[in-house]
Amino acid sequence: MKEKTSGRILVPTYEGEQWEHVNDITYCEANGNCTWINFSGSERLLTTHGLSAVERMIGNENFIRCHKSILANFEHVKKISFKEKALILVNGERIEVSRRKMKVVKAFMREDTGDISTCHIE
């Protein structure tokens, strides 16, 4: 996988390769040895690489592994629900956060904002 510093990545697919903007990615979801990359605007792209490889390819500090099979872009998170153990995206989608990863998500939010109390939390 090739990477470019302009905020775009070259994503390998079954049909070839295509450039995508990292900021447009809402979340990535593992699908066996492949990964679905979900974009704002409800578009999806199936890449031929696993989630760990996609995570390395993206290499962006705004992304967090919130589940063993999900990598979320915090730029697209509207709120976090501790009760539901989920991230709610600006487009209304709900992403599960595993019990073990909830501590990591809380720490990530504190690091990002300086204080978790400034975030919209349920």
PDB file of N, CA and C in Angstrom:
ATOM      1  N   MET A   1       0.838  -1.178   0.000  1.00  0.00           N
ATOM      2  CA  MET A   1       0.000   0.000   0.000  1.00  0.00           C
ATOM      3  C   MET A   1       0.882   1.240   0.000  1.00  0.00           C
ATOM      4  N   LYS A   2       0.538   2.182  -0.833  1.00  0.00           N
ATOM      5  CA  LYS A   2       1.304   3.411  -0.915  1.00  0.00           C
ATOM      6  C   LYS A   2       0.597   4.491  -0.107  1.00  0.00           C
ATOM      7  N   GLU A   3       1.390   5.391   0.418  1.00  0.00           N
ATOM      8  CA  GLU A   3       0.851   6.449   1.251  1.00  0.00           C
ATOM      9  C   GLU A   3       1.384   7.784   0.738  1.00  0.00           C
ATOM     10  N   LYS A   4       0.572   8.819   0.839  1.00  0.00           N
ATOM     11  CA  LYS A   4       0.989  10.133   0.412  1.00  0.00           C
ATOM     12  C   LYS A   4       0.684  11.115   1.529  1.00  0.00           C
ATOM     13  N   THR A   5       1.541  12.092   1.741  1.00  0.00           N
ATOM     14  CA  THR A   5       1.397  13.004   2.863  1.00  0.00           C
ATOM     15  C   THR A   5       0.328  14.072   2.656  1.00  0.00           C
ATOM     16  N   SER A   6      -0.324  14.116   1.531  1.00  0.00           N
ATOM     17  CA  SER A   6      -1.307  15.159   1.250  1.00  0.00           C
ATOM     18  C   SER A   6      -2.673  14.885   1.868  1.00  0.00           C
ATOM     19  N   GLY A   7      -2.784  13.832   2.688  1.00  0.00           N
ATOM     20  CA  GLY A   7      -4.078  13.510   3.264  1.00  0.00           C
ATOM     21  C   GLY A   7      -4.869  12.551   2.409  1.00  0.00           C
ATOM     22  N   ARG A   8      -4.225  12.025   1.373  1.00  0.00           N
ATOM     23  CA  ARG A   8      -4.869  11.021   0.526  1.00  0.00           C
ATOM     24  C   ARG A   8      -4.105   9.718   0.656  1.00  0.00           C
ATOM     25  N   ILE A   9      -4.831   8.624   0.464  1.00  0.00           N
ATOM     26  CA  ILE A   9      -4.201   7.304   0.479  1.00  0.00           C
ATOM     27  C   ILE A   9      -4.621   6.555  -0.781  1.00  0.00           C
ATOM     28  N   LEU A  10      -3.758   5.678  -1.216  1.00  0.00           N
ATOM     29  CA  LEU A  10      -4.048   4.839  -2.369  1.00  0.00           C
ATOM     30  C   LEU A  10      -4.587   3.517  -1.845  1.00  0.00           C
ATOM     31  N   VAL A  11      -5.865   3.267  -2.093  1.00  0.00           N
ATOM     32  CA  VAL A  11      -6.550   2.099  -1.547  1.00  0.00           C
ATOM     33  C   VAL A  11      -6.617   0.996  -2.596  1.00  0.00           C
ATOM     34  N   PRO A  12      -6.033  -0.181  -2.287  1.00  0.00           N
ATOM     35  CA  PRO A  12      -6.136  -1.312  -3.212  1.00  0.00           C
ATOM     36  C   PRO A  12      -7.512  -1.973  -3.096  1.00  0.00           C
ATOM     37  N   THR A  13      -8.122  -2.258  -4.239  1.00  0.00           N
ATOM     38  CA  THR A  13      -9.421  -2.921  -4.277  1.00  0.00           C
ATOM     39  C   THR A  13      -9.311  -4.130  -5.199  1.00  0.00           C
ATOM     40  N   TYR A  14     -10.391  -4.880  -5.321  1.00  0.00           N
ATOM     41  CA  TYR A  14     -10.397  -6.023  -6.236  1.00  0.00           C
ATOM     42  C   TYR A  14     -10.342  -5.577  -7.688  1.00  0.00           C
ATOM     43  N   GLU A  15     -10.740  -4.342  -7.962  1.00  0.00           N
ATOM     44  CA  GLU A  15     -10.777  -3.833  -9.331  1.00  0.00           C
ATOM     45  C   GLU A  15      -9.536  -3.041  -9.715  1.00  0.00           C
ATOM     46  N   GLY A  16      -8.694  -2.719  -8.744  1.00  0.00           N
ATOM     47  CA  GLY A  16      -7.503  -1.910  -8.993  1.00  0.00           C
ATOM     48  C   GLY A  16      -7.128  -1.122  -7.758  1.00  0.00           C
ATOM     49  N   GLU A  17      -6.758   0.140  -7.960  1.00  0.00           N
ATOM     50  CA  GLU A  17      -6.419   1.027  -6.850  1.00  0.00           C
ATOM     51  C   GLU A  17      -7.071   2.372  -7.092  1.00  0.00           C
ATOM     52  N   GLN A  18      -7.409   3.070  -6.004  1.00  0.00           N
ATOM     53  CA  GLN A  18      -7.978   4.406  -6.155  1.00  0.00           C
ATOM     54  C   GLN A  18      -7.573   5.294  -4.991  1.00  0.00           C
ATOM     55  N   TRP A  19      -7.444   6.586  -5.284  1.00  0.00           N
ATOM     56  CA  TRP A  19      -7.088   7.581  -4.282  1.00  0.00           C
ATOM     57  C   TRP A  19      -8.327   7.988  -3.494  1.00  0.00           C
ATOM     58  N   GLU A  20      -8.172   8.108  -2.190  1.00  0.00           N
ATOM     59  CA  GLU A  20      -9.253   8.571  -1.316  1.00  0.00           C
ATOM     60  C   GLU A  20      -8.687   9.544  -0.291  1.00  0.00           C
ATOM     61  N   HIS A  21      -9.497  10.522   0.104  1.00  0.00           N
ATOM     62  CA  HIS A  21      -9.106  11.472   1.141  1.00  0.00           C
ATOM     63  C   HIS A  21      -9.365  10.855   2.512  1.00  0.00           C
ATOM     64  N   VAL A  22      -8.357  10.879   3.373  1.00  0.00           N
ATOM     65  CA  VAL A  22      -8.462  10.289   4.714  1.00  0.00           C
ATOM     66  C   VAL A  22      -9.568  10.968   5.515  1.00  0.00           C
ATOM     67  N   ASN A  23      -9.718  12.276   5.400  1.00  0.00           N
ATOM     68  CA  ASN A  23     -10.736  13.003   6.170  1.00  0.00           C
ATOM     69  C   ASN A  23     -12.155  12.598   5.812  1.00  0.00           C
ATOM     70  N   ASP A  24     -12.363  12.028   4.640  1.00  0.00           N
ATOM     71  CA  ASP A  24     -13.698  11.596   4.218  1.00  0.00           C
ATOM     72  C   ASP A  24     -14.092  10.245   4.805  1.00  0.00           C
ATOM     73  N   ILE A  25     -13.133   9.529   5.381  1.00  0.00           N
ATOM     74  CA  ILE A  25     -13.414   8.215   5.965  1.00  0.00           C
ATOM     75  C   ILE A  25     -14.105   8.409   7.310  1.00  0.00           C
ATOM     76  N   THR A  26     -15.277   7.764   7.489  1.00  0.00           N
ATOM     77  CA  THR A  26     -15.966   7.833   8.775  1.00  0.00           C
ATOM     78  C   THR A  26     -15.516   6.702   9.682  1.00  0.00           C
ATOM     79  N   TYR A  27     -15.469   5.487   9.138  1.00  0.00           N
ATOM     80  CA  TYR A  27     -14.947   4.347   9.899  1.00  0.00           C
ATOM     81  C   TYR A  27     -14.609   3.217   8.946  1.00  0.00           C
ATOM     82  N   CYS A  28     -13.801   2.275   9.457  1.00  0.00           N
ATOM     83  CA  CYS A  28     -13.409   1.094   8.703  1.00  0.00           C
ATOM     84  C   CYS A  28     -13.846  -0.121   9.504  1.00  0.00           C
ATOM     85  N   GLU A  29     -14.343  -1.131   8.803  1.00  0.00           N
ATOM     86  CA  GLU A  29     -14.860  -2.326   9.470  1.00  0.00           C
ATOM     87  C   GLU A  29     -14.275  -3.577   8.829  1.00  0.00           C
ATOM     88  N   ALA A  30     -13.672  -4.422   9.673  1.00  0.00           N
ATOM     89  CA  ALA A  30     -13.076  -5.657   9.185  1.00  0.00           C
ATOM     90  C   ALA A  30     -14.142  -6.584   8.622  1.00  0.00           C
ATOM     91  N   ASN A  31     -13.781  -7.270   7.542  1.00  0.00           N
ATOM     92  CA  ASN A  31     -14.658  -8.247   6.904  1.00  0.00           C
ATOM     93  C   ASN A  31     -13.763  -9.413   6.476  1.00  0.00           C
ATOM     94  N   GLY A  32     -13.436 -10.278   7.447  1.00  0.00           N
ATOM     95  CA  GLY A  32     -12.492 -11.357   7.168  1.00  0.00           C
ATOM     96  C   GLY A  32     -11.122 -10.785   6.917  1.00  0.00           C
ATOM     97  N   ASN A  33     -10.510 -11.150   5.794  1.00  0.00           N
ATOM     98  CA  ASN A  33      -9.192 -10.620   5.435  1.00  0.00           C
ATOM     99  C   ASN A  33      -9.275  -9.326   4.639  1.00  0.00           C
ATOM    100  N   CYS A  34     -10.471  -8.802   4.482  1.00  0.00           N
ATOM    101  CA  CYS A  34     -10.693  -7.547   3.765  1.00  0.00           C
ATOM    102  C   CYS A  34     -11.249  -6.517   4.742  1.00  0.00           C
ATOM    103  N   THR A  35     -11.418  -5.294   4.271  1.00  0.00           N
ATOM    104  CA  THR A  35     -11.951  -4.225   5.119  1.00  0.00           C
ATOM    105  C   THR A  35     -12.887  -3.347   4.309  1.00  0.00           C
ATOM    106  N   TRP A  36     -14.055  -3.064   4.887  1.00  0.00           N
ATOM    107  CA  TRP A  36     -14.970  -2.083   4.308  1.00  0.00           C
ATOM    108  C   TRP A  36     -14.551  -0.710   4.820  1.00  0.00           C
ATOM    109  N   ILE A  37     -14.311   0.221   3.915  1.00  0.00           N
ATOM    110  CA  ILE A  37     -14.017   1.603   4.283  1.00  0.00           C
ATOM    111  C   ILE A  37     -15.283   2.401   3.994  1.00  0.00           C
ATOM    112  N   ASN A  38     -15.828   3.016   5.042  1.00  0.00           N
ATOM    113  CA  ASN A  38     -17.071   3.780   4.936  1.00  0.00           C
ATOM    114  C   ASN A  38     -16.747   5.273   4.892  1.00  0.00           C
ATOM    115  N   PHE A  39     -17.388   5.982   3.981  1.00  0.00           N
ATOM    116  CA  PHE A  39     -17.130   7.404   3.780  1.00  0.00           C
ATOM    117  C   PHE A  39     -18.357   8.222   4.124  1.00  0.00           C
ATOM    118  N   SER A  40     -18.118   9.502   4.389  1.00  0.00           N
ATOM    119  CA  SER A  40     -19.245  10.405   4.576  1.00  0.00           C
ATOM    120  C   SER A  40     -20.019  10.423   3.256  1.00  0.00           C
ATOM    121  N   GLY A  41     -21.321  10.482   3.346  1.00  0.00           N
ATOM    122  CA  GLY A  41     -22.134  10.385   2.143  1.00  0.00           C
ATOM    123  C   GLY A  41     -22.564   8.957   1.883  1.00  0.00           C
ATOM    124  N   SER A  42     -22.387   8.072   2.817  1.00  0.00           N
ATOM    125  CA  SER A  42     -22.810   6.658   2.822  1.00  0.00           C
ATOM    126  C   SER A  42     -22.208   5.810   1.698  1.00  0.00           C
ATOM    127  N   GLU A  43     -21.074   6.226   1.164  1.00  0.00           N
ATOM    128  CA  GLU A  43     -20.369   5.412   0.181  1.00  0.00           C
ATOM    129  C   GLU A  43     -19.491   4.408   0.917  1.00  0.00           C
ATOM    130  N   ARG A  44     -19.259   3.254   0.308  1.00  0.00           N
ATOM    131  CA  ARG A  44     -18.411   2.207   0.885  1.00  0.00           C
ATOM    132  C   ARG A  44     -17.455   1.686  -0.171  1.00  0.00           C
ATOM    133  N   LEU A  45     -16.313   1.208   0.312  1.00  0.00           N
ATOM    134  CA  LEU A  45     -15.307   0.651  -0.579  1.00  0.00           C
ATOM    135  C   LEU A  45     -14.703  -0.563   0.108  1.00  0.00           C
ATOM    136  N   LEU A  46     -14.640  -1.680  -0.602  1.00  0.00           N
ATOM    137  CA  LEU A  46     -14.039  -2.895  -0.058  1.00  0.00           C
ATOM    138  C   LEU A  46     -12.584  -2.960  -0.499  1.00  0.00           C
ATOM    139  N   THR A  47     -11.670  -2.945   0.474  1.00  0.00           N
ATOM    140  CA  THR A  47     -10.253  -3.033   0.167  1.00  0.00           C
ATOM    141  C   THR A  47      -9.779  -4.467   0.398  1.00  0.00           C
ATOM    142  N   THR A  48      -8.724  -4.816  -0.272  1.00  0.00           N
ATOM    143  CA  THR A  48      -8.211  -6.185  -0.217  1.00  0.00           C
ATOM    144  C   THR A  48      -7.273  -6.413   0.962  1.00  0.00           C
ATOM    145  N   HIS A  49      -7.188  -5.466   1.889  1.00  0.00           N
ATOM    146  CA  HIS A  49      -6.298  -5.581   3.040  1.00  0.00           C
ATOM    147  C   HIS A  49      -7.098  -5.654   4.334  1.00  0.00           C
ATOM    148  N   GLY A  50      -6.498  -6.290   5.331  1.00  0.00           N
ATOM    149  CA  GLY A  50      -7.119  -6.398   6.643  1.00  0.00           C
ATOM    150  C   GLY A  50      -7.122  -5.067   7.381  1.00  0.00           C
ATOM    151  N   LEU A  51      -7.836  -5.025   8.495  1.00  0.00           N
ATOM    152  CA  LEU A  51      -7.996  -3.784   9.246  1.00  0.00           C
ATOM    153  C   LEU A  51      -6.670  -3.250   9.795  1.00  0.00           C
ATOM    154  N   SER A  52      -5.798  -4.115  10.255  1.00  0.00           N
ATOM    155  CA  SER A  52      -4.499  -3.652  10.772  1.00  0.00           C
ATOM    156  C   SER A  52      -3.683  -2.965   9.688  1.00  0.00           C
ATOM    157  N   ALA A  53      -3.709  -3.516   8.485  1.00  0.00           N
ATOM    158  CA  ALA A  53      -2.986  -2.907   7.363  1.00  0.00           C
ATOM    159  C   ALA A  53      -3.608  -1.560   6.994  1.00  0.00           C
ATOM    160  N   VAL A  54      -4.930  -1.475   7.023  1.00  0.00           N
ATOM    161  CA  VAL A  54      -5.616  -0.214   6.722  1.00  0.00           C
ATOM    162  C   VAL A  54      -5.271   0.824   7.787  1.00  0.00           C
ATOM    163  N   GLU A  55      -5.234   0.395   9.044  1.00  0.00           N
ATOM    164  CA  GLU A  55      -4.882   1.300  10.147  1.00  0.00           C
ATOM    165  C   GLU A  55      -3.479   1.876   9.944  1.00  0.00           C
ATOM    166  N   ARG A  56      -2.529   1.044   9.560  1.00  0.00           N
ATOM    167  CA  ARG A  56      -1.163   1.516   9.288  1.00  0.00           C
ATOM    168  C   ARG A  56      -1.149   2.436   8.070  1.00  0.00           C
ATOM    169  N   MET A  57      -1.918   2.101   7.052  1.00  0.00           N
ATOM    170  CA  MET A  57      -1.970   2.899   5.831  1.00  0.00           C
ATOM    171  C   MET A  57      -2.508   4.302   6.124  1.00  0.00           C
ATOM    172  N   ILE A  58      -3.564   4.380   6.939  1.00  0.00           N
ATOM    173  CA  ILE A  58      -4.169   5.674   7.265  1.00  0.00           C
ATOM    174  C   ILE A  58      -3.202   6.495   8.110  1.00  0.00           C
ATOM    175  N   GLY A  59      -2.639   5.883   9.148  1.00  0.00           N
ATOM    176  CA  GLY A  59      -1.628   6.545   9.967  1.00  0.00           C
ATOM    177  C   GLY A  59      -2.027   7.919  10.463  1.00  0.00           C
ATOM    178  N   ASN A  60      -3.255   8.083  10.917  1.00  0.00           N
ATOM    179  CA  ASN A  60      -3.768   9.384  11.325  1.00  0.00           C
ATOM    180  C   ASN A  60      -4.158   9.336  12.792  1.00  0.00           C
ATOM    181  N   GLU A  61      -3.768  10.346  13.552  1.00  0.00           N
ATOM    182  CA  GLU A  61      -4.041  10.367  14.985  1.00  0.00           C
ATOM    183  C   GLU A  61      -5.519  10.573  15.329  1.00  0.00           C
ATOM    184  N   ASN A  62      -6.359  10.901  14.368  1.00  0.00           N
ATOM    185  CA  ASN A  62      -7.792  11.065  14.619  1.00  0.00           C
ATOM    186  C   ASN A  62      -8.552   9.741  14.601  1.00  0.00           C
ATOM    187  N   PHE A  63      -7.881   8.669  14.226  1.00  0.00           N
ATOM    188  CA  PHE A  63      -8.519   7.355  14.153  1.00  0.00           C
ATOM    189  C   PHE A  63      -8.199   6.561  15.407  1.00  0.00           C
ATOM    190  N   ILE A  64      -9.207   5.828  15.891  1.00  0.00           N
ATOM    191  CA  ILE A  64      -9.042   5.019  17.086  1.00  0.00           C
ATOM    192  C   ILE A  64      -9.708   3.674  16.884  1.00  0.00           C
ATOM    193  N   ARG A  65      -9.052   2.650  17.380  1.00  0.00           N
ATOM    194  CA  ARG A  65      -9.603   1.290  17.326  1.00  0.00           C
ATOM    195  C   ARG A  65     -10.571   1.166  18.495  1.00  0.00           C
ATOM    196  N   CYS A  66     -11.855   1.180  18.230  1.00  0.00           N
ATOM    197  CA  CYS A  66     -12.859   1.139  19.293  1.00  0.00           C
ATOM    198  C   CYS A  66     -13.473  -0.246  19.452  1.00  0.00           C
ATOM    199  N   HIS A  67     -13.040  -1.163  18.633  1.00  0.00           N
ATOM    200  CA  HIS A  67     -13.518  -2.543  18.666  1.00  0.00           C
ATOM    201  C   HIS A  67     -12.486  -3.340  17.880  1.00  0.00           C
ATOM    202  N   LYS A  68     -12.394  -4.639  18.118  1.00  0.00           N
ATOM    203  CA  LYS A  68     -11.375  -5.415  17.384  1.00  0.00           C
ATOM    204  C   LYS A  68     -11.586  -5.366  15.879  1.00  0.00           C
ATOM    205  N   SER A  69     -12.813  -5.080  15.457  1.00  0.00           N
ATOM    206  CA  SER A  69     -13.097  -5.060  14.025  1.00  0.00           C
ATOM    207  C   SER A  69     -13.488  -3.685  13.490  1.00  0.00           C
ATOM    208  N   ILE A  70     -13.328  -2.626  14.299  1.00  0.00           N
ATOM    209  CA  ILE A  70     -13.740  -1.289  13.852  1.00  0.00           C
ATOM    210  C   ILE A  70     -12.685  -0.242  14.193  1.00  0.00           C
ATOM    211  N   LEU A  71     -12.387   0.592  13.214  1.00  0.00           N
ATOM    212  CA  LEU A  71     -11.491   1.732  13.350  1.00  0.00           C
ATOM    213  C   LEU A  71     -12.311   2.975  13.021  1.00  0.00           C
ATOM    214  N   ALA A  72     -12.480   3.873  13.991  1.00  0.00           N
ATOM    215  CA  ALA A  72     -13.361   5.034  13.806  1.00  0.00           C
ATOM    216  C   ALA A  72     -12.554   6.324  13.681  1.00  0.00           C
ATOM    217  N   ASN A  73     -13.070   7.244  12.873  1.00  0.00           N
ATOM    218  CA  ASN A  73     -12.490   8.568  12.703  1.00  0.00           C
ATOM    219  C   ASN A  73     -13.217   9.522  13.640  1.00  0.00           C
ATOM    220  N   PHE A  74     -12.526  10.030  14.666  1.00  0.00           N
ATOM    221  CA  PHE A  74     -13.174  10.889  15.657  1.00  0.00           C
ATOM    222  C   PHE A  74     -13.613  12.227  15.082  1.00  0.00           C
ATOM    223  N   GLU A  75     -13.149  12.583  13.902  1.00  0.00           N
ATOM    224  CA  GLU A  75     -13.619  13.802  13.241  1.00  0.00           C
ATOM    225  C   GLU A  75     -15.099  13.694  12.873  1.00  0.00           C
ATOM    226  N   HIS A  76     -15.614  12.477  12.776  1.00  0.00           N
ATOM    227  CA  HIS A  76     -17.004  12.247  12.389  1.00  0.00           C
ATOM    228  C   HIS A  76     -17.880  11.800  13.562  1.00  0.00           C
ATOM    229  N   VAL A  77     -17.351  11.844  14.785  1.00  0.00           N
ATOM    230  CA  VAL A  77     -18.121  11.428  15.964  1.00  0.00           C
ATOM    231  C   VAL A  77     -18.875  12.631  16.511  1.00  0.00           C
ATOM    232  N   LYS A  78     -20.187  12.457  16.663  1.00  0.00           N
ATOM    233  CA  LYS A  78     -21.031  13.514  17.230  1.00  0.00           C
ATOM    234  C   LYS A  78     -21.082  13.403  18.747  1.00  0.00           C
ATOM    235  N   LYS A  79     -21.256  12.172  19.229  1.00  0.00           N
ATOM    236  CA  LYS A  79     -21.306  11.962  20.673  1.00  0.00           C
ATOM    237  C   LYS A  79     -20.932  10.532  21.010  1.00  0.00           C
ATOM    238  N   ILE A  80     -20.679  10.323  22.285  1.00  0.00           N
ATOM    239  CA  ILE A  80     -20.371   8.990  22.775  1.00  0.00           C
ATOM    240  C   ILE A  80     -21.392   8.644  23.845  1.00  0.00           C
ATOM    241  N   SER A  81     -21.901   7.441  23.765  1.00  0.00           N
ATOM    242  CA  SER A  81     -22.871   6.957  24.737  1.00  0.00           C
ATOM    243  C   SER A  81     -22.221   5.867  25.568  1.00  0.00           C
ATOM    244  N   PHE A  82     -21.933   6.193  26.830  1.00  0.00           N
ATOM    245  CA  PHE A  82     -21.336   5.195  27.721  1.00  0.00           C
ATOM    246  C   PHE A  82     -22.364   4.133  28.076  1.00  0.00           C
ATOM    247  N   LYS A  83     -23.616   4.540  28.167  1.00  0.00           N
ATOM    248  CA  LYS A  83     -24.687   3.604  28.501  1.00  0.00           C
ATOM    249  C   LYS A  83     -24.843   2.535  27.424  1.00  0.00           C
ATOM    250  N   GLU A  84     -24.840   2.957  26.165  1.00  0.00           N
ATOM    251  CA  GLU A  84     -24.981   2.028  25.040  1.00  0.00           C
ATOM    252  C   GLU A  84     -23.635   1.454  24.587  1.00  0.00           C
ATOM    253  N   LYS A  85     -22.550   1.994  25.121  1.00  0.00           N
ATOM    254  CA  LYS A  85     -21.197   1.629  24.679  1.00  0.00           C
ATOM    255  C   LYS A  85     -21.076   1.794  23.164  1.00  0.00           C
ATOM    256  N   ALA A  86     -21.330   3.035  22.723  1.00  0.00           N
ATOM    257  CA  ALA A  86     -21.335   3.294  21.289  1.00  0.00           C
ATOM    258  C   ALA A  86     -20.891   4.718  20.973  1.00  0.00           C
ATOM    259  N   LEU A  87     -20.361   4.880  19.766  1.00  0.00           N
ATOM    260  CA  LEU A  87     -20.087   6.195  19.205  1.00  0.00           C
ATOM    261  C   LEU A  87     -21.221   6.503  18.240  1.00  0.00           C
ATOM    262  N   ILE A  88     -21.739   7.713  18.291  1.00  0.00           N
ATOM    263  CA  ILE A  88     -22.775   8.139  17.364  1.00  0.00           C
ATOM    264  C   ILE A  88     -22.121   9.129  16.403  1.00  0.00           C
ATOM    265  N   LEU A  89     -22.160   8.799  15.125  1.00  0.00           N
ATOM    266  CA  LEU A  89     -21.530   9.641  14.111  1.00  0.00           C
ATOM    267  C   LEU A  89     -22.455  10.785  13.712  1.00  0.00           C
ATOM    268  N   VAL A  90     -21.903  11.800  13.063  1.00  0.00           N
ATOM    269  CA  VAL A  90     -22.690  12.950  12.632  1.00  0.00           C
ATOM    270  C   VAL A  90     -23.761  12.553  11.611  1.00  0.00           C
ATOM    271  N   ASN A  91     -23.545  11.458  10.894  1.00  0.00           N
ATOM    272  CA  ASN A  91     -24.546  10.997   9.926  1.00  0.00           C
ATOM    273  C   ASN A  91     -25.610  10.104  10.566  1.00  0.00           C
ATOM    274  N   GLY A  92     -25.533   9.922  11.911  1.00  0.00           N
ATOM    275  CA  GLY A  92     -26.527   9.139  12.632  1.00  0.00           C
ATOM    276  C   GLY A  92     -26.173   7.679  12.833  1.00  0.00           C
ATOM    277  N   GLU A  93     -25.117   7.206  12.180  1.00  0.00           N
ATOM    278  CA  GLU A  93     -24.722   5.805  12.358  1.00  0.00           C
ATOM    279  C   GLU A  93     -24.205   5.577  13.769  1.00  0.00           C
ATOM    280  N   ARG A  94     -24.418   4.369  14.265  1.00  0.00           N
ATOM    281  CA  ARG A  94     -23.996   3.966  15.609  1.00  0.00           C
ATOM    282  C   ARG A  94     -22.892   2.927  15.467  1.00  0.00           C
ATOM    283  N   ILE A  95     -21.764   3.163  16.150  1.00  0.00           N
ATOM    284  CA  ILE A  95     -20.636   2.245  16.107  1.00  0.00           C
ATOM    285  C   ILE A  95     -20.403   1.697  17.502  1.00  0.00           C
ATOM    286  N   GLU A  96     -20.383   0.386  17.612  1.00  0.00           N
ATOM    287  CA  GLU A  96     -20.174  -0.276  18.891  1.00  0.00           C
ATOM    288  C   GLU A  96     -18.750  -0.051  19.402  1.00  0.00           C
ATOM    289  N   VAL A  97     -18.647   0.173  20.718  1.00  0.00           N
ATOM    290  CA  VAL A  97     -17.352   0.251  21.384  1.00  0.00           C
ATOM    291  C   VAL A  97     -17.288  -0.929  22.337  1.00  0.00           C
ATOM    292  N   SER A  98     -16.234  -1.724  22.237  1.00  0.00           N
ATOM    293  CA  SER A  98     -16.131  -2.894  23.095  1.00  0.00           C
ATOM    294  C   SER A  98     -15.907  -2.468  24.546  1.00  0.00           C
ATOM    295  N   ARG A  99     -16.248  -3.338  25.445  1.00  0.00           N
ATOM    296  CA  ARG A  99     -16.114  -3.068  26.876  1.00  0.00           C
ATOM    297  C   ARG A  99     -14.660  -2.717  27.207  1.00  0.00           C
ATOM    298  N   ARG A 100     -13.741  -3.465  26.663  1.00  0.00           N
ATOM    299  CA  ARG A 100     -12.320  -3.230  26.937  1.00  0.00           C
ATOM    300  C   ARG A 100     -11.796  -1.952  26.304  1.00  0.00           C
ATOM    301  N   LYS A 101     -12.344  -1.575  25.173  1.00  0.00           N
ATOM    302  CA  LYS A 101     -11.862  -0.383  24.467  1.00  0.00           C
ATOM    303  C   LYS A 101     -12.500   0.909  24.990  1.00  0.00           C
ATOM    304  N   MET A 102     -13.526   0.826  25.831  1.00  0.00           N
ATOM    305  CA  MET A 102     -14.191   2.023  26.345  1.00  0.00           C
ATOM    306  C   MET A 102     -13.197   2.904  27.108  1.00  0.00           C
ATOM    307  N   LYS A 103     -12.286   2.301  27.876  1.00  0.00           N
ATOM    308  CA  LYS A 103     -11.276   3.075  28.602  1.00  0.00           C
ATOM    309  C   LYS A 103     -10.360   3.805  27.629  1.00  0.00           C
ATOM    310  N   VAL A 104     -10.012   3.150  26.540  1.00  0.00           N
ATOM    311  CA  VAL A 104      -9.152   3.765  25.525  1.00  0.00           C
ATOM    312  C   VAL A 104      -9.871   4.939  24.869  1.00  0.00           C
ATOM    313  N   VAL A 105     -11.156   4.773  24.578  1.00  0.00           N
ATOM    314  CA  VAL A 105     -11.949   5.840  23.960  1.00  0.00           C
ATOM    315  C   VAL A 105     -12.035   7.042  24.902  1.00  0.00           C
ATOM    316  N   LYS A 106     -12.300   6.798  26.183  1.00  0.00           N
ATOM    317  CA  LYS A 106     -12.357   7.889  27.165  1.00  0.00           C
ATOM    318  C   LYS A 106     -11.023   8.627  27.222  1.00  0.00           C
ATOM    319  N   ALA A 107      -9.928   7.882  27.280  1.00  0.00           N
ATOM    320  CA  ALA A 107      -8.597   8.489  27.332  1.00  0.00           C
ATOM    321  C   ALA A 107      -8.309   9.287  26.065  1.00  0.00           C
ATOM    322  N   PHE A 108      -8.723   8.749  24.919  1.00  0.00           N
ATOM    323  CA  PHE A 108      -8.526   9.427  23.636  1.00  0.00           C
ATOM    324  C   PHE A 108      -9.272  10.756  23.636  1.00  0.00           C
ATOM    325  N   MET A 109     -10.493  10.755  24.156  1.00  0.00           N
ATOM    326  CA  MET A 109     -11.287  11.983  24.188  1.00  0.00           C
ATOM    327  C   MET A 109     -10.663  13.006  25.132  1.00  0.00           C
ATOM    328  N   ARG A 110     -10.163  12.569  26.260  1.00  0.00           N
ATOM    329  CA  ARG A 110      -9.503  13.489  27.201  1.00  0.00           C
ATOM    330  C   ARG A 110      -8.263  14.102  26.549  1.00  0.00           C
ATOM    331  N   GLU A 111      -7.512  13.263  25.852  1.00  0.00           N
ATOM    332  CA  GLU A 111      -6.301  13.722  25.181  1.00  0.00           C
ATOM    333  C   GLU A 111      -6.629  14.712  24.079  1.00  0.00           C
ATOM    334  N   ASP A 112      -7.704  14.444  23.340  1.00  0.00           N
ATOM    335  CA  ASP A 112      -8.101  15.269  22.204  1.00  0.00           C
ATOM    336  C   ASP A 112      -8.640  16.628  22.645  1.00  0.00           C
ATOM    337  N   THR A 113      -9.444  16.635  23.719  1.00  0.00           N
ATOM    338  CA  THR A 113     -10.097  17.879  24.132  1.00  0.00           C
ATOM    339  C   THR A 113      -9.479  18.492  25.372  1.00  0.00           C
ATOM    340  N   GLY A 114      -8.655  17.723  26.082  1.00  0.00           N
ATOM    341  CA  GLY A 114      -8.086  18.202  27.320  1.00  0.00           C
ATOM    342  C   GLY A 114      -8.943  17.856  28.522  1.00  0.00           C
ATOM    343  N   ASP A 115     -10.242  17.666  28.295  1.00  0.00           N
ATOM    344  CA  ASP A 115     -11.158  17.341  29.393  1.00  0.00           C
ATOM    345  C   ASP A 115     -12.389  16.684  28.803  1.00  0.00           C
ATOM    346  N   ILE A 116     -12.724  15.519  29.297  1.00  0.00           N
ATOM    347  CA  ILE A 116     -13.866  14.780  28.773  1.00  0.00           C
ATOM    348  C   ILE A 116     -15.181  15.512  29.033  1.00  0.00           C
ATOM    349  N   SER A 117     -15.246  16.397  30.025  1.00  0.00           N
ATOM    350  CA  SER A 117     -16.484  17.095  30.340  1.00  0.00           C
ATOM    351  C   SER A 117     -16.879  18.081  29.251  1.00  0.00           C
ATOM    352  N   THR A 118     -15.961  18.425  28.333  1.00  0.00           N
ATOM    353  CA  THR A 118     -16.292  19.354  27.264  1.00  0.00           C
ATOM    354  C   THR A 118     -16.916  18.644  26.058  1.00  0.00           C
ATOM    355  N   CYS A 119     -16.926  17.313  26.077  1.00  0.00           N
ATOM    356  CA  CYS A 119     -17.482  16.530  24.982  1.00  0.00           C
ATOM    357  C   CYS A 119     -18.963  16.287  25.210  1.00  0.00           C
ATOM    358  N   HIS A 120     -19.687  16.019  24.150  1.00  0.00           N
ATOM    359  CA  HIS A 120     -21.093  15.671  24.274  1.00  0.00           C
ATOM    360  C   HIS A 120     -21.172  14.191  24.607  1.00  0.00           C
ATOM    361  N   ILE A 121     -21.564  13.885  25.842  1.00  0.00           N
ATOM    362  CA  ILE A 121     -21.563  12.513  26.329  1.00  0.00           C
ATOM    363  C   ILE A 121     -22.928  12.178  26.879  1.00  0.00           C
ATOM    364  N   GLU A 122     -23.352  10.952  26.665  1.00  0.00           N
ATOM    365  CA  GLU A 122     -24.594  10.446  27.261  1.00  0.00           C
ATOM    366  C   GLU A 122     -24.259   9.441  28.319  1.00  0.00           C
TER     367      GLU A 122
END
